[in-house]
């Protein structure tokens, strides 16, 4: 029938197991940035550069009603365990 071609080759065989995969827990966090449009955009770019969040994951800058102030919102799932 079938022959094991790994015998004698020095290649170890590891049986597949499903219980060796780690299980992670996730939680949702909300980030809100307030500031001038320039400050908010620069912060979003910095967080992208740090590989934390994609710029398109943030909401468009929304006016807050205060002079020269906008806010942007990000909801992100993070691993906690």
Protein backbone atom coordinates (compact mmCIF):
# COMPACT_ATOMS: atom_id res chain seq x y z
CA UNK A 1 0.00 0.00 0.00
CA UNK A 2 1.51 3.31 1.15
CA UNK A 3 5.12 3.56 2.20
CA UNK A 4 6.55 6.14 4.59
CA UNK A 5 9.26 7.89 2.57
CA UNK A 6 10.54 9.83 5.60
CA UNK A 7 12.05 6.80 7.32
CA UNK A 8 15.80 7.03 7.41
CA UNK A 9 15.90 10.58 6.00
CA UNK A 10 16.33 12.29 9.33
CA UNK A 11 13.11 14.27 8.82
CA UNK A 12 10.98 14.09 11.96
CA UNK A 13 7.30 13.50 11.52
CA UNK A 14 4.95 15.44 13.75
CA UNK A 15 1.37 14.26 13.95
CA UNK A 16 -1.13 17.07 13.40
CA UNK A 17 -3.00 18.10 16.53
CA UNK A 18 -5.68 20.69 16.94
CA UNK A 19 -5.13 21.21 20.66
CA UNK A 20 -1.68 22.76 20.09
CA UNK A 21 -3.11 25.91 18.50
CA UNK A 22 -3.32 28.83 20.93
CA UNK A 23 -6.69 30.38 21.62
CA UNK A 24 -6.82 34.13 21.97
CA UNK A 25 -9.43 36.35 23.55
CA UNK A 26 -10.39 39.61 21.87
CA UNK A 27 -12.01 42.76 23.20
CA UNK A 28 -13.23 45.87 21.46
CA UNK A 29 -11.66 49.24 22.24
CA UNK A 30 -12.80 52.64 21.03
CA UNK A 31 -10.34 55.43 20.27
CA UNK A 32 -11.41 59.04 19.82
CA UNK A 33 -9.06 61.78 18.68
CA UNK A 34 -9.85 65.45 19.24
CA UNK A 35 -7.81 68.31 17.82
CA UNK A 36 -7.18 70.41 14.77
CA UNK A 37 -7.58 68.63 11.45
CA UNK A 38 -3.80 68.66 10.99
CA UNK A 39 -3.12 67.18 14.45
CA UNK A 40 -5.73 64.44 14.02
CA UNK A 41 -4.44 63.49 10.56
CA UNK A 42 -0.83 63.42 11.79
CA UNK A 43 -1.80 61.17 14.71
CA UNK A 44 -3.64 58.77 12.39
CA UNK A 45 -0.55 58.64 10.14
CA UNK A 46 1.69 57.97 13.14
CA UNK A 47 -0.51 55.12 14.38
CA UNK A 48 -0.40 53.66 10.87
CA UNK A 49 3.40 53.96 10.79
CA UNK A 50 3.50 52.07 14.11
CA UNK A 51 1.34 49.32 12.49
CA UNK A 52 -1.50 49.92 14.93
CA UNK A 53 -4.34 50.93 12.60
CA UNK A 54 -4.99 51.55 8.94
CA UNK A 55 -5.96 55.14 8.07
CA UNK A 56 -9.13 53.91 6.35
CA UNK A 57 -10.26 52.26 9.59
CA UNK A 58 -10.82 55.69 11.16
CA UNK A 59 -13.98 57.71 10.63
CA UNK A 60 -13.77 60.83 8.52
CA UNK A 61 -12.90 63.85 10.65
CA UNK A 62 -16.14 65.19 12.11
CA UNK A 63 -16.64 68.76 13.34
CA UNK A 64 -17.14 69.04 17.10
CA UNK A 65 -18.73 72.48 17.12
CA UNK A 66 -15.64 74.06 18.63
CA UNK A 67 -13.49 76.39 16.56
CA UNK A 68 -10.86 74.51 14.51
CA UNK A 69 -11.63 71.20 16.26
CA UNK A 70 -12.53 67.87 14.69
CA UNK A 71 -12.76 64.35 16.00
CA UNK A 72 -12.06 60.95 14.46
CA UNK A 73 -13.20 57.60 15.84
CA UNK A 74 -11.68 54.13 15.58
CA UNK A 75 -13.19 50.89 16.89
CA UNK A 76 -10.63 48.12 17.02
CA UNK A 77 -10.55 44.53 18.22
CA UNK A 78 -7.44 43.79 20.25
CA UNK A 79 -6.06 40.51 21.55
CA UNK A 80 -6.06 40.30 25.34
CA UNK A 81 -5.06 36.74 26.10
